[in-house]
């Protein structure tokens, strides 16, 4: 499972548990997912990404943007 798929799965679990705004704001990708993203970013800096890796990194960026929007909305709903 790639980094984006792992984070996507973690986000689904977060929302399925229904933990509320506090849980959303505390969400961080797993250490495994963060390590994979760091690896992809390093390969990107080196200009060594394969097409599949570039797609994986692009999906992660999309998920990161989505999570930023969700967290911004969650902040508005905190007491």
Protein backbone atom coordinates (compact mmCIF):
# COMPACT_ATOMS: atom_id res chain seq x y z
CA UNK A 1 0.00 0.00 0.00
CA UNK A 2 1.43 3.38 -0.99
CA UNK A 3 1.66 6.44 1.25
CA UNK A 4 -1.47 8.05 -0.15
CA UNK A 5 -3.52 4.88 0.17
CA UNK A 6 -2.29 4.37 3.74
CA UNK A 7 -3.20 7.93 4.73
CA UNK A 8 -6.54 7.65 2.93
CA UNK A 9 -7.27 4.49 4.94
CA UNK A 10 -6.25 6.22 8.18
CA UNK A 11 -8.55 9.17 7.37
CA UNK A 12 -11.47 6.84 6.70
CA UNK A 13 -10.90 5.19 10.09
CA UNK A 14 -10.81 8.62 11.75
CA UNK A 15 -14.13 9.67 10.24
CA UNK A 16 -15.72 6.26 10.79
CA UNK A 17 -14.96 6.48 14.52
CA UNK A 18 -16.74 9.84 14.65
CA UNK A 19 -14.30 11.33 17.15
CA UNK A 20 -15.32 14.93 16.56
CA UNK A 21 -13.33 18.09 15.94
CA UNK A 22 -10.68 17.30 18.53
CA UNK A 23 -9.81 14.00 16.87
CA UNK A 24 -9.70 15.62 13.45
CA UNK A 25 -7.36 18.34 14.68
CA UNK A 26 -5.09 15.80 16.37
CA UNK A 27 -4.87 13.57 13.28
CA UNK A 28 -1.38 12.84 11.97
CA UNK A 29 -0.45 10.24 9.39
CA UNK A 30 1.22 7.12 10.77
CA UNK A 31 4.99 7.00 11.10
CA UNK A 32 5.05 4.49 8.24
CA UNK A 33 3.13 6.85 5.93
CA UNK A 34 5.28 9.83 6.95
CA UNK A 35 8.45 7.84 6.24
CA UNK A 36 7.18 6.89 2.78
CA UNK A 37 6.32 10.50 1.98
CA UNK A 38 9.78 11.61 3.15
CA UNK A 39 11.31 8.99 0.85
CA UNK A 40 9.21 10.19 -2.09
CA UNK A 41 10.11 13.82 -1.42
CA UNK A 42 13.82 12.95 -1.31
CA UNK A 43 13.56 11.06 -4.60
CA UNK A 44 11.68 14.05 -6.05
CA UNK A 45 14.49 16.42 -5.00
CA UNK A 46 16.98 14.06 -6.65
CA UNK A 47 14.88 13.97 -9.84
CA UNK A 48 14.60 10.19 -9.51
CA UNK A 49 10.84 9.61 -9.14
CA UNK A 50 9.24 6.97 -11.31
CA UNK A 51 5.86 7.72 -12.86
CA UNK A 52 4.14 5.56 -10.24
CA UNK A 53 5.97 7.34 -7.43
CA UNK A 54 5.02 10.73 -8.86
CA UNK A 55 1.37 9.66 -8.92
CA UNK A 56 1.67 8.41 -5.34
CA UNK A 57 3.18 11.72 -4.22
CA UNK A 58 0.51 13.68 -6.11
CA UNK A 59 -2.24 11.70 -4.34
CA UNK A 60 -0.61 12.42 -1.00
CA UNK A 61 -0.56 16.16 -1.78
CA UNK A 62 -4.27 16.03 -2.66
CA UNK A 63 -5.06 14.24 0.61
CA UNK A 64 -2.96 16.72 2.57
CA UNK A 65 -4.90 19.62 1.05
CA UNK A 66 -8.19 17.90 1.88
CA UNK A 67 -7.12 17.31 5.48
CA UNK A 68 -6.06 20.95 5.83
CA UNK A 69 -9.56 22.01 4.74
CA UNK A 70 -11.20 19.52 7.11
CA UNK A 71 -9.05 20.78 10.00
CA UNK A 72 -9.88 24.41 9.18
CA UNK A 73 -13.58 23.56 9.29
CA UNK A 74 -13.14 21.58 12.52
CA UNK A 75 -11.49 24.61 14.18
CA UNK A 76 -14.61 26.65 13.42
CA UNK A 77 -16.75 24.06 15.22
CA UNK A 78 -14.68 23.91 18.39
CA UNK A 79 -16.13 25.55 21.49
